[in-house]
């Protein structure tokens, strides 16, 4: 829904075009999530007003690197990504992600 759908579609296109994949036999770790029904740590005031639920999480993929089609590791293919996802009700009444925010971090702020 909204900017979130556009971002996910672009990421999927880029991954398909580059033919990169996660190294076989590995998995990333989910840290969190924290769920807020009020304001979150980041995002514009307008987005926070629209959001009914905000989810904050980190994905630690340091043990799950990305590979190129030839099996070589992608130089920037692992790390910790901090995400905040904003959800609101769609026309059909279901909660859906409509916007999001992310940054690569050294440590997950959820642990702090």
PDB file of N, CA and C in Angstrom:
ATOM      1  N   UNK A   1       0.837  -1.170   0.000  1.00  0.00           N
ATOM      2  CA  UNK A   1       0.000   0.000   0.000  1.00  0.00           C
ATOM      3  C   UNK A   1       0.888   1.241   0.000  1.00  0.00           C
ATOM      4  N   UNK A   2       0.633   2.177  -0.854  1.00  0.00           N
ATOM      5  CA  UNK A   2       1.371   3.436  -0.868  1.00  0.00           C
ATOM      6  C   UNK A   2       2.848   3.271  -1.170  1.00  0.00           C
ATOM      7  N   UNK A   3       3.666   4.066  -0.478  1.00  0.00           N
ATOM      8  CA  UNK A   3       5.114   4.053  -0.691  1.00  0.00           C
ATOM      9  C   UNK A   3       5.738   2.705  -0.361  1.00  0.00           C
ATOM     10  N   UNK A   4       5.145   1.983   0.586  1.00  0.00           N
ATOM     11  CA  UNK A   4       5.704   0.687   0.982  1.00  0.00           C
ATOM     12  C   UNK A   4       5.671  -0.293  -0.185  1.00  0.00           C
ATOM     13  N   UNK A   5       4.558  -0.369  -0.894  1.00  0.00           N
ATOM     14  CA  UNK A   5       4.441  -1.289  -2.035  1.00  0.00           C
ATOM     15  C   UNK A   5       5.456  -0.939  -3.122  1.00  0.00           C
ATOM     16  N   UNK A   6       5.608   0.339  -3.409  1.00  0.00           N
ATOM     17  CA  UNK A   6       6.550   0.785  -4.424  1.00  0.00           C
ATOM     18  C   UNK A   6       7.984   0.397  -4.050  1.00  0.00           C
ATOM     19  N   UNK A   7       8.352   0.578  -2.786  1.00  0.00           N
ATOM     20  CA  UNK A   7       9.704   0.241  -2.331  1.00  0.00           C
ATOM     21  C   UNK A   7       9.975  -1.257  -2.422  1.00  0.00           C
ATOM     22  N   UNK A   8       9.017  -2.075  -2.002  1.00  0.00           N
ATOM     23  CA  UNK A   8       9.196  -3.534  -2.048  1.00  0.00           C
ATOM     24  C   UNK A   8       9.287  -4.006  -3.495  1.00  0.00           C
ATOM     25  N   UNK A   9       8.458  -3.461  -4.376  1.00  0.00           N
ATOM     26  CA  UNK A   9       8.512  -3.836  -5.793  1.00  0.00           C
ATOM     27  C   UNK A   9       9.875  -3.488  -6.387  1.00  0.00           C
ATOM     28  N   UNK A  10      10.404  -2.317  -6.070  1.00  0.00           N
ATOM     29  CA  UNK A  10      11.712  -1.903  -6.594  1.00  0.00           C
ATOM     30  C   UNK A  10      12.818  -2.812  -6.063  1.00  0.00           C
ATOM     31  N   UNK A  11      12.766  -3.159  -4.789  1.00  0.00           N
ATOM     32  CA  UNK A  11      13.764  -4.057  -4.214  1.00  0.00           C
ATOM     33  C   UNK A  11      13.708  -5.423  -4.882  1.00  0.00           C
ATOM     34  N   UNK A  12      12.518  -5.959  -5.080  1.00  0.00           N
ATOM     35  CA  UNK A  12      12.370  -7.260  -5.744  1.00  0.00           C
ATOM     36  C   UNK A  12      12.894  -7.228  -7.177  1.00  0.00           C
ATOM     37  N   UNK A  13      12.627  -6.148  -7.906  1.00  0.00           N
ATOM     38  CA  UNK A  13      13.139  -6.005  -9.282  1.00  0.00           C
ATOM     39  C   UNK A  13      14.661  -5.971  -9.290  1.00  0.00           C
ATOM     40  N   UNK A  14      15.236  -5.200  -8.365  1.00  0.00           N
ATOM     41  CA  UNK A  14      16.699  -5.094  -8.298  1.00  0.00           C
ATOM     42  C   UNK A  14      17.338  -6.438  -7.975  1.00  0.00           C
ATOM     43  N   UNK A  15      16.766  -7.173  -7.033  1.00  0.00           N
ATOM     44  CA  UNK A  15      17.318  -8.480  -6.675  1.00  0.00           C
ATOM     45  C   UNK A  15      17.204  -9.456  -7.845  1.00  0.00           C
ATOM     46  N   UNK A  16      16.080  -9.447  -8.546  1.00  0.00           N
ATOM     47  CA  UNK A  16      15.902 -10.344  -9.692  1.00  0.00           C
ATOM     48  C   UNK A  16      16.876  -9.983 -10.813  1.00  0.00           C
ATOM     49  N   UNK A  17      17.046  -8.698 -11.069  1.00  0.00           N
ATOM     50  CA  UNK A  17      17.942  -8.238 -12.137  1.00  0.00           C
ATOM     51  C   UNK A  17      19.393  -8.617 -11.835  1.00  0.00           C
ATOM     52  N   UNK A  18      19.820  -8.448 -10.586  1.00  0.00           N
ATOM     53  CA  UNK A  18      21.207  -8.732 -10.226  1.00  0.00           C
ATOM     54  C   UNK A  18      21.455 -10.225 -10.005  1.00  0.00           C
ATOM     55  N   UNK A  19      20.390 -10.999  -9.830  1.00  0.00           N
ATOM     56  CA  UNK A  19      20.444 -12.444  -9.561  1.00  0.00           C
ATOM     57  C   UNK A  19      21.207 -12.752  -8.273  1.00  0.00           C
ATOM     58  N   UNK A  20      21.220 -11.779  -7.354  1.00  0.00           N
ATOM     59  CA  UNK A  20      21.844 -12.020  -6.055  1.00  0.00           C
ATOM     60  C   UNK A  20      20.876 -12.811  -5.182  1.00  0.00           C
ATOM     61  N   UNK A  21      21.432 -13.533  -4.241  1.00  0.00           N
ATOM     62  CA  UNK A  21      20.605 -14.350  -3.346  1.00  0.00           C
ATOM     63  C   UNK A  21      21.302 -14.444  -1.995  1.00  0.00           C
ATOM     64  N   UNK A  22      20.544 -14.899  -0.999  1.00  0.00           N
ATOM     65  CA  UNK A  22      21.118 -15.139   0.317  1.00  0.00           C
ATOM     66  C   UNK A  22      21.903 -16.438   0.269  1.00  0.00           C
ATOM     67  N   UNK A  23      23.041 -16.474   0.910  1.00  0.00           N
ATOM     68  CA  UNK A  23      23.881 -17.674   0.919  1.00  0.00           C
ATOM     69  C   UNK A  23      23.074 -18.865   1.434  1.00  0.00           C
ATOM     70  N   UNK A  24      23.124 -19.950   0.715  1.00  0.00           N
ATOM     71  CA  UNK A  24      22.386 -21.162   1.051  1.00  0.00           C
ATOM     72  C   UNK A  24      22.766 -21.674   2.439  1.00  0.00           C
ATOM     73  N   UNK A  25      21.771 -22.143   3.176  1.00  0.00           N
ATOM     74  CA  UNK A  25      22.004 -22.731   4.489  1.00  0.00           C
ATOM     75  C   UNK A  25      22.179 -21.720   5.611  1.00  0.00           C
ATOM     76  N   UNK A  26      21.932 -20.436   5.357  1.00  0.00           N
ATOM     77  CA  UNK A  26      22.063 -19.406   6.388  1.00  0.00           C
ATOM     78  C   UNK A  26      20.716 -18.725   6.594  1.00  0.00           C
ATOM     79  N   UNK A  27      20.610 -17.974   7.687  1.00  0.00           N
ATOM     80  CA  UNK A  27      19.398 -17.190   7.906  1.00  0.00           C
ATOM     81  C   UNK A  27      19.720 -15.955   8.722  1.00  0.00           C
ATOM     82  N   UNK A  28      18.926 -14.933   8.514  1.00  0.00           N
ATOM     83  CA  UNK A  28      19.076 -13.691   9.256  1.00  0.00           C
ATOM     84  C   UNK A  28      18.309 -13.807  10.568  1.00  0.00           C
ATOM     85  N   UNK A  29      18.670 -12.977  11.542  1.00  0.00           N
ATOM     86  CA  UNK A  29      18.001 -12.969  12.837  1.00  0.00           C
ATOM     87  C   UNK A  29      17.128 -11.727  12.954  1.00  0.00           C
ATOM     88  N   UNK A  30      15.917 -11.910  13.444  1.00  0.00           N
ATOM     89  CA  UNK A  30      15.002 -10.802  13.699  1.00  0.00           C
ATOM     90  C   UNK A  30      15.198 -10.348  15.141  1.00  0.00           C
ATOM     91  N   UNK A  31      15.414  -9.056  15.329  1.00  0.00           N
ATOM     92  CA  UNK A  31      15.545  -8.481  16.669  1.00  0.00           C
ATOM     93  C   UNK A  31      14.300  -7.642  16.902  1.00  0.00           C
ATOM     94  N   UNK A  32      13.573  -7.947  17.930  1.00  0.00           N
ATOM     95  CA  UNK A  32      12.312  -7.270  18.202  1.00  0.00           C
ATOM     96  C   UNK A  32      11.194  -8.166  17.751  1.00  0.00           C
ATOM     97  N   UNK A  33      10.120  -7.690  17.324  1.00  0.00           N
ATOM     98  CA  UNK A  33       9.790  -6.277  17.127  1.00  0.00           C
ATOM     99  C   UNK A  33       9.216  -5.629  18.372  1.00  0.00           C
ATOM    100  N   UNK A  34       9.226  -4.299  18.354  1.00  0.00           N
ATOM    101  CA  UNK A  34       8.469  -3.494  19.305  1.00  0.00           C
ATOM    102  C   UNK A  34       7.270  -2.972  18.544  1.00  0.00           C
ATOM    103  N   UNK A  35       6.134  -2.982  19.180  1.00  0.00           N
ATOM    104  CA  UNK A  35       4.912  -2.504  18.538  1.00  0.00           C
ATOM    105  C   UNK A  35       4.387  -1.308  19.328  1.00  0.00           C
ATOM    106  N   UNK A  36       4.113  -0.227  18.616  1.00  0.00           N
ATOM    107  CA  UNK A  36       3.618   1.001  19.238  1.00  0.00           C
ATOM    108  C   UNK A  36       2.212   1.290  18.708  1.00  0.00           C
ATOM    109  N   UNK A  37       1.365   1.765  19.566  1.00  0.00           N
ATOM    110  CA  UNK A  37       0.058   2.242  19.109  1.00  0.00           C
ATOM    111  C   UNK A  37      -0.002   3.762  19.214  1.00  0.00           C
ATOM    112  N   UNK A  38       1.110   4.367  19.597  1.00  0.00           N
ATOM    113  CA  UNK A  38       1.228   5.823  19.631  1.00  0.00           C
ATOM    114  C   UNK A  38       2.435   6.207  18.794  1.00  0.00           C
ATOM    115  N   UNK A  39       3.032   7.343  19.046  1.00  0.00           N
ATOM    116  CA  UNK A  39       4.137   7.804  18.198  1.00  0.00           C
ATOM    117  C   UNK A  39       5.348   6.902  18.325  1.00  0.00           C
ATOM    118  N   UNK A  40       6.100   6.826  17.265  1.00  0.00           N
ATOM    119  CA  UNK A  40       7.303   5.984  17.217  1.00  0.00           C
ATOM    120  C   UNK A  40       8.542   6.861  17.268  1.00  0.00           C
ATOM    121  N   UNK A  41       9.694   6.237  17.090  1.00  0.00           N
ATOM    122  CA  UNK A  41      10.955   6.944  17.217  1.00  0.00           C
ATOM    123  C   UNK A  41      11.315   7.793  16.010  1.00  0.00           C
ATOM    124  N   UNK A  42      10.764   7.473  14.849  1.00  0.00           N
ATOM    125  CA  UNK A  42      11.218   8.155  13.650  1.00  0.00           C
ATOM    126  C   UNK A  42      10.060   8.319  12.678  1.00  0.00           C
ATOM    127  N   UNK A  43      10.243   9.186  11.707  1.00  0.00           N
ATOM    128  CA  UNK A  43       9.214   9.392  10.698  1.00  0.00           C
ATOM    129  C   UNK A  43       8.649  10.793  10.803  1.00  0.00           C
ATOM    130  N   UNK A  44       7.979  11.203   9.764  1.00  0.00           N
ATOM    131  CA  UNK A  44       7.405  12.542   9.764  1.00  0.00           C
ATOM    132  C   UNK A  44       6.178  12.577  10.659  1.00  0.00           C
ATOM    133  N   UNK A  45       5.849  13.756  11.086  1.00  0.00           N
ATOM    134  CA  UNK A  45       4.667  13.941  11.938  1.00  0.00           C
ATOM    135  C   UNK A  45       3.403  13.466  11.224  1.00  0.00           C
ATOM    136  N   UNK A  46       3.290  13.753   9.924  1.00  0.00           N
ATOM    137  CA  UNK A  46       2.116  13.330   9.144  1.00  0.00           C
ATOM    138  C   UNK A  46       1.984  11.810   9.128  1.00  0.00           C
ATOM    139  N   UNK A  47       3.072  11.107   8.887  1.00  0.00           N
ATOM    140  CA  UNK A  47       3.039   9.639   8.859  1.00  0.00           C
ATOM    141  C   UNK A  47       2.638   9.108  10.230  1.00  0.00           C
ATOM    142  N   UNK A  48       3.207   9.666  11.287  1.00  0.00           N
ATOM    143  CA  UNK A  48       2.872   9.208  12.627  1.00  0.00           C
ATOM    144  C   UNK A  48       1.398   9.444  12.950  1.00  0.00           C
ATOM    145  N   UNK A  49       0.824  10.540  12.462  1.00  0.00           N
ATOM    146  CA  UNK A  49      -0.606  10.804  12.695  1.00  0.00           C
ATOM    147  C   UNK A  49      -1.479   9.778  11.990  1.00  0.00           C
ATOM    148  N   UNK A  50      -1.092   9.386  10.783  1.00  0.00           N
ATOM    149  CA  UNK A  50      -1.881   8.424  10.002  1.00  0.00           C
ATOM    150  C   UNK A  50      -1.765   7.004  10.528  1.00  0.00           C
ATOM    151  N   UNK A  51      -0.618   6.655  11.105  1.00  0.00           N
ATOM    152  CA  UNK A  51      -0.361   5.273  11.510  1.00  0.00           C
ATOM    153  C   UNK A  51      -1.232   4.872  12.695  1.00  0.00           C
ATOM    154  N   UNK A  52      -1.864   3.712  12.575  1.00  0.00           N
ATOM    155  CA  UNK A  52      -2.618   3.133  13.684  1.00  0.00           C
ATOM    156  C   UNK A  52      -1.700   2.265  14.530  1.00  0.00           C
ATOM    157  N   UNK A  53      -0.750   1.603  13.869  1.00  0.00           N
ATOM    158  CA  UNK A  53       0.232   0.768  14.543  1.00  0.00           C
ATOM    159  C   UNK A  53       1.587   1.028  13.889  1.00  0.00           C
ATOM    160  N   UNK A  54       2.636   1.078  14.696  1.00  0.00           N
ATOM    161  CA  UNK A  54       3.999   1.240  14.215  1.00  0.00           C
ATOM    162  C   UNK A  54       4.828   0.082  14.754  1.00  0.00           C
ATOM    163  N   UNK A  55       5.589  -0.558  13.882  1.00  0.00           N
ATOM    164  CA  UNK A  55       6.424  -1.688  14.272  1.00  0.00           C
ATOM    165  C   UNK A  55       7.886  -1.296  14.059  1.00  0.00           C
ATOM    166  N   UNK A  56       8.682  -1.466  15.091  1.00  0.00           N
ATOM    167  CA  UNK A  56      10.113  -1.209  15.003  1.00  0.00           C
ATOM    168  C   UNK A  56      10.830  -2.547  15.165  1.00  0.00           C
ATOM    169  N   UNK A  57      11.798  -2.799  14.290  1.00  0.00           N
ATOM    170  CA  UNK A  57      12.535  -4.059  14.344  1.00  0.00           C
ATOM    171  C   UNK A  57      13.908  -3.864  13.729  1.00  0.00           C
ATOM    172  N   UNK A  58      14.762  -4.858  13.924  1.00  0.00           N
ATOM    173  CA  UNK A  58      16.042  -4.912  13.241  1.00  0.00           C
ATOM    174  C   UNK A  58      16.181  -6.296  12.618  1.00  0.00           C
ATOM    175  N   UNK A  59      16.876  -6.355  11.500  1.00  0.00           N
ATOM    176  CA  UNK A  59      17.210  -7.628  10.869  1.00  0.00           C
ATOM    177  C   UNK A  59      18.730  -7.701  10.810  1.00  0.00           C
ATOM    178  N   UNK A  60      19.274  -8.714  11.484  1.00  0.00           N
ATOM    179  CA  UNK A  60      20.716  -8.912  11.543  1.00  0.00           C
ATOM    180  C   UNK A  60      21.092 -10.015  10.552  1.00  0.00           C
ATOM    181  N   UNK A  61      21.696  -9.631   9.440  1.00  0.00           N
ATOM    182  CA  UNK A  61      22.065 -10.606   8.404  1.00  0.00           C
ATOM    183  C   UNK A  61      23.581 -10.819   8.327  1.00  0.00           C
ATOM    184  N   UNK A  62      24.285 -10.504   9.409  1.00  0.00           N
ATOM    185  CA  UNK A  62      25.742 -10.678   9.401  1.00  0.00           C
ATOM    186  C   UNK A  62      26.144 -12.141   9.213  1.00  0.00           C
ATOM    187  N   UNK A  63      25.295 -13.072   9.662  1.00  0.00           N
ATOM    188  CA  UNK A  63      25.583 -14.502   9.499  1.00  0.00           C
ATOM    189  C   UNK A  63      24.899 -15.075   8.256  1.00  0.00           C
ATOM    190  N   UNK A  64      24.302 -14.209   7.445  1.00  0.00           N
ATOM    191  CA  UNK A  64      23.566 -14.641   6.257  1.00  0.00           C
ATOM    192  C   UNK A  64      23.885 -13.715   5.085  1.00  0.00           C
ATOM    193  N   UNK A  65      25.098 -13.780   4.574  1.00  0.00           N
ATOM    194  CA  UNK A  65      25.518 -12.845   3.526  1.00  0.00           C
ATOM    195  C   UNK A  65      24.819 -13.101   2.192  1.00  0.00           C
ATOM    196  N   UNK A  66      24.829 -12.063   1.360  1.00  0.00           N
ATOM    197  CA  UNK A  66      24.302 -12.198   0.001  1.00  0.00           C
ATOM    198  C   UNK A  66      25.425 -12.618  -0.934  1.00  0.00           C
ATOM    199  N   UNK A  67      25.046 -13.379  -1.970  1.00  0.00           N
ATOM    200  CA  UNK A  67      26.002 -13.863  -2.968  1.00  0.00           C
ATOM    201  C   UNK A  67      25.621 -13.365  -4.354  1.00  0.00           C
ATOM    202  N   UNK A  68      26.627 -13.189  -5.177  1.00  0.00           N
ATOM    203  CA  UNK A  68      26.438 -12.922  -6.596  1.00  0.00           C
ATOM    204  C   UNK A  68      26.112 -14.247  -7.279  1.00  0.00           C
ATOM    205  N   UNK A  69      25.662 -14.223  -8.533  1.00  0.00           N
ATOM    206  CA  UNK A  69      25.344 -15.471  -9.247  1.00  0.00           C
ATOM    207  C   UNK A  69      26.500 -16.462  -9.299  1.00  0.00           C
ATOM    208  N   UNK A  70      27.756 -15.955  -9.279  1.00  0.00           N
ATOM    209  CA  UNK A  70      28.916 -16.853  -9.334  1.00  0.00           C
ATOM    210  C   UNK A  70      29.323 -17.402  -7.969  1.00  0.00           C
ATOM    211  N   UNK A  71      28.595 -17.043  -6.908  1.00  0.00           N
ATOM    212  CA  UNK A  71      28.891 -17.536  -5.568  1.00  0.00           C
ATOM    213  C   UNK A  71      29.787 -16.633  -4.745  1.00  0.00           C
ATOM    214  N   UNK A  72      30.344 -15.577  -5.363  1.00  0.00           N
ATOM    215  CA  UNK A  72      31.175 -14.638  -4.597  1.00  0.00           C
ATOM    216  C   UNK A  72      30.273 -13.781  -3.709  1.00  0.00           C
ATOM    217  N   UNK A  73      30.810 -13.369  -2.559  1.00  0.00           N
ATOM    218  CA  UNK A  73      30.020 -12.586  -1.614  1.00  0.00           C
ATOM    219  C   UNK A  73      29.873 -11.141  -2.075  1.00  0.00           C
ATOM    220  N   UNK A  74      28.711 -10.568  -1.837  1.00  0.00           N
ATOM    221  CA  UNK A  74      28.451  -9.158  -2.113  1.00  0.00           C
ATOM    222  C   UNK A  74      29.115  -8.369  -0.985  1.00  0.00           C
ATOM    223  N   UNK A  75      29.941  -7.408  -1.349  1.00  0.00           N
ATOM    224  CA  UNK A  75      30.732  -6.682  -0.349  1.00  0.00           C
ATOM    225  C   UNK A  75      29.865  -6.054   0.735  1.00  0.00           C
ATOM    226  N   UNK A  76      28.753  -5.445   0.366  1.00  0.00           N
ATOM    227  CA  UNK A  76      27.894  -4.786   1.349  1.00  0.00           C
ATOM    228  C   UNK A  76      26.650  -5.623   1.641  1.00  0.00           C
ATOM    229  N   UNK A  77      26.765  -6.929   1.518  1.00  0.00           N
ATOM    230  CA  UNK A  77      25.597  -7.797   1.574  1.00  0.00           C
ATOM    231  C   UNK A  77      25.173  -8.293   2.928  1.00  0.00           C
ATOM    232  N   UNK A  78      25.775  -7.820   3.999  1.00  0.00           N
ATOM    233  CA  UNK A  78      25.318  -8.251   5.314  1.00  0.00           C
ATOM    234  C   UNK A  78      25.508  -7.120   6.305  1.00  0.00           C
ATOM    235  N   UNK A  79      24.768  -7.178   7.369  1.00  0.00           N
ATOM    236  CA  UNK A  79      24.829  -6.139   8.388  1.00  0.00           C
ATOM    237  C   UNK A  79      23.556  -6.141   9.196  1.00  0.00           C
ATOM    238  N   UNK A  80      23.326  -5.047   9.903  1.00  0.00           N
ATOM    239  CA  UNK A  80      22.114  -4.888  10.702  1.00  0.00           C
ATOM    240  C   UNK A  80      21.315  -3.738  10.105  1.00  0.00           C
ATOM    241  N   UNK A  81      20.057  -4.011   9.802  1.00  0.00           N
ATOM    242  CA  UNK A  81      19.163  -2.985   9.263  1.00  0.00           C
ATOM    243  C   UNK A  81      18.080  -2.706  10.301  1.00  0.00           C
ATOM    244  N   UNK A  82      17.917  -1.439  10.639  1.00  0.00           N
ATOM    245  CA  UNK A  82      16.898  -0.983  11.577  1.00  0.00           C
ATOM    246  C   UNK A  82      15.706  -0.500  10.741  1.00  0.00           C
ATOM    247  N   UNK A  83      14.518  -1.064  10.998  1.00  0.00           N
ATOM    248  CA  UNK A  83      13.309  -0.706  10.251  1.00  0.00           C
ATOM    249  C   UNK A  83      12.242  -0.157  11.186  1.00  0.00           C
ATOM    250  N   UNK A  84      11.470   0.778  10.669  1.00  0.00           N
ATOM    251  CA  UNK A  84      10.220   1.177  11.311  1.00  0.00           C
ATOM    252  C   UNK A  84       9.153   1.098  10.223  1.00  0.00           C
ATOM    253  N   UNK A  85       8.098   0.348  10.496  1.00  0.00           N
ATOM    254  CA  UNK A  85       7.009   0.128   9.550  1.00  0.00           C
ATOM    255  C   UNK A  85       5.739   0.772  10.093  1.00  0.00           C
ATOM    256  N   UNK A  86       5.031   1.508   9.236  1.00  0.00           N
ATOM    257  CA  UNK A  86       3.824   2.218   9.634  1.00  0.00           C
ATOM    258  C   UNK A  86       2.614   1.558   8.987  1.00  0.00           C
ATOM    259  N   UNK A  87       1.614   1.222   9.796  1.00  0.00           N
ATOM    260  CA  UNK A  87       0.414   0.544   9.303  1.00  0.00           C
ATOM    261  C   UNK A  87      -0.825   1.399   9.543  1.00  0.00           C
ATOM    262  N   UNK A  88      -1.742   1.343   8.580  1.00  0.00           N
ATOM    263  CA  UNK A  88      -3.052   1.968   8.740  1.00  0.00           C
ATOM    264  C   UNK A  88      -4.074   1.097   8.021  1.00  0.00           C
ATOM    265  N   UNK A  89      -5.328   1.408   8.207  1.00  0.00           N
ATOM    266  CA  UNK A  89      -6.391   0.615   7.590  1.00  0.00           C
ATOM    267  C   UNK A  89      -6.581   1.011   6.129  1.00  0.00           C
ATOM    268  N   UNK A  90      -6.658   0.005   5.276  1.00  0.00           N
ATOM    269  CA  UNK A  90      -6.907   0.191   3.849  1.00  0.00           C
ATOM    270  C   UNK A  90      -8.412   0.372   3.640  1.00  0.00           C
ATOM    271  N   UNK A  91      -8.826   0.595   2.391  1.00  0.00           N
ATOM    272  CA  UNK A  91     -10.247   0.759   2.099  1.00  0.00           C
ATOM    273  C   UNK A  91     -11.078  -0.451   2.526  1.00  0.00           C
ATOM    274  N   UNK A  92     -10.456  -1.642   2.509  1.00  0.00           N
ATOM    275  CA  UNK A  92     -11.191  -2.848   2.891  1.00  0.00           C
ATOM    276  C   UNK A  92     -11.184  -3.084   4.403  1.00  0.00           C
ATOM    277  N   UNK A  93     -10.569  -2.168   5.172  1.00  0.00           N
ATOM    278  CA  UNK A  93     -10.585  -2.256   6.625  1.00  0.00           C
ATOM    279  C   UNK A  93      -9.435  -3.035   7.244  1.00  0.00           C
ATOM    280  N   UNK A  94      -8.569  -3.650   6.414  1.00  0.00           N
ATOM    281  CA  UNK A  94      -7.451  -4.415   6.966  1.00  0.00           C
ATOM    282  C   UNK A  94      -6.244  -3.508   7.178  1.00  0.00           C
ATOM    283  N   UNK A  95      -5.459  -3.832   8.215  1.00  0.00           N
ATOM    284  CA  UNK A  95      -4.233  -3.084   8.476  1.00  0.00           C
ATOM    285  C   UNK A  95      -3.182  -3.469   7.449  1.00  0.00           C
ATOM    286  N   UNK A  96      -2.544  -2.458   6.866  1.00  0.00           N
ATOM    287  CA  UNK A  96      -1.496  -2.696   5.877  1.00  0.00           C
ATOM    288  C   UNK A  96      -0.381  -1.689   6.079  1.00  0.00           C
ATOM    289  N   UNK A  97       0.836  -2.101   5.720  1.00  0.00           N
ATOM    290  CA  UNK A  97       1.966  -1.188   5.765  1.00  0.00           C
ATOM    291  C   UNK A  97       1.766  -0.145   4.667  1.00  0.00           C
ATOM    292  N   UNK A  98       1.853   1.139   5.020  1.00  0.00           N
ATOM    293  CA  UNK A  98       1.715   2.191   4.019  1.00  0.00           C
ATOM    294  C   UNK A  98       2.987   3.006   3.865  1.00  0.00           C
ATOM    295  N   UNK A  99       3.907   2.876   4.817  1.00  0.00           N
ATOM    296  CA  UNK A  99       5.158   3.605   4.711  1.00  0.00           C
ATOM    297  C   UNK A  99       6.178   2.921   5.606  1.00  0.00           C
ATOM    298  N   UNK A 100       7.436   3.220   5.388  1.00  0.00           N
ATOM    299  CA  UNK A 100       8.473   2.612   6.198  1.00  0.00           C
ATOM    300  C   UNK A 100       9.741   3.440   6.167  1.00  0.00           C
ATOM    301  N   UNK A 101      10.610   3.103   7.052  1.00  0.00           N
ATOM    302  CA  UNK A 101      11.882   3.814   7.193  1.00  0.00           C
ATOM    303  C   UNK A 101      12.932   2.780   7.544  1.00  0.00           C
ATOM    304  N   UNK A 102      14.153   2.929   7.042  1.00  0.00           N
ATOM    305  CA  UNK A 102      15.214   1.994   7.390  1.00  0.00           C
ATOM    306  C   UNK A 102      16.574   2.660   7.292  1.00  0.00           C
ATOM    307  N   UNK A 103      17.518   2.095   8.064  1.00  0.00           N
ATOM    308  CA  UNK A 103      18.905   2.524   7.978  1.00  0.00           C
ATOM    309  C   UNK A 103      19.785   1.366   8.417  1.00  0.00           C
ATOM    310  N   UNK A 104      20.994   1.323   7.887  1.00  0.00           N
ATOM    311  CA  UNK A 104      21.980   0.338   8.310  1.00  0.00           C
ATOM    312  C   UNK A 104      22.639   0.894   9.567  1.00  0.00           C
ATOM    313  N   UNK A 105      22.739   0.044  10.605  1.00  0.00           N
ATOM    314  CA  UNK A 105      23.269   0.489  11.893  1.00  0.00           C
ATOM    315  C   UNK A 105      24.363  -0.472  12.373  1.00  0.00           C
ATOM    316  N   UNK A 106      25.176  -0.008  13.292  1.00  0.00           N
ATOM    317  CA  UNK A 106      26.206  -0.848  13.904  1.00  0.00           C
ATOM    318  C   UNK A 106      25.608  -1.772  14.958  1.00  0.00           C
ATOM    319  N   UNK A 107      24.678  -1.238  15.756  1.00  0.00           N
ATOM    320  CA  UNK A 107      23.974  -2.026  16.767  1.00  0.00           C
ATOM    321  C   UNK A 107      22.496  -1.648  16.709  1.00  0.00           C
ATOM    322  N   UNK A 108      21.652  -2.591  17.053  1.00  0.00           N
ATOM    323  CA  UNK A 108      20.215  -2.358  16.991  1.00  0.00           C
ATOM    324  C   UNK A 108      19.767  -1.513  18.190  1.00  0.00           C
ATOM    325  N   UNK A 109      19.089  -0.386  17.956  1.00  0.00           N
ATOM    326  CA  UNK A 109      18.650   0.462  19.063  1.00  0.00           C
ATOM    327  C   UNK A 109      17.582  -0.208  19.934  1.00  0.00           C
ATOM    328  N   UNK A 110      16.955  -1.252  19.459  1.00  0.00           N
ATOM    329  CA  UNK A 110      15.975  -1.965  20.279  1.00  0.00           C
ATOM    330  C   UNK A 110      16.660  -2.597  21.488  1.00  0.00           C
ATOM    331  N   UNK A 111      17.919  -2.959  21.345  1.00  0.00           N
ATOM    332  CA  UNK A 111      18.680  -3.582  22.421  1.00  0.00           C
ATOM    333  C   UNK A 111      19.203  -2.580  23.432  1.00  0.00           C
ATOM    334  N   UNK A 112      19.131  -1.305  23.109  1.00  0.00           N
ATOM    335  CA  UNK A 112      19.720  -0.276  23.990  1.00  0.00           C
ATOM    336  C   UNK A 112      18.791   0.093  25.118  1.00  0.00           C
TER     337      UNK A 112
END
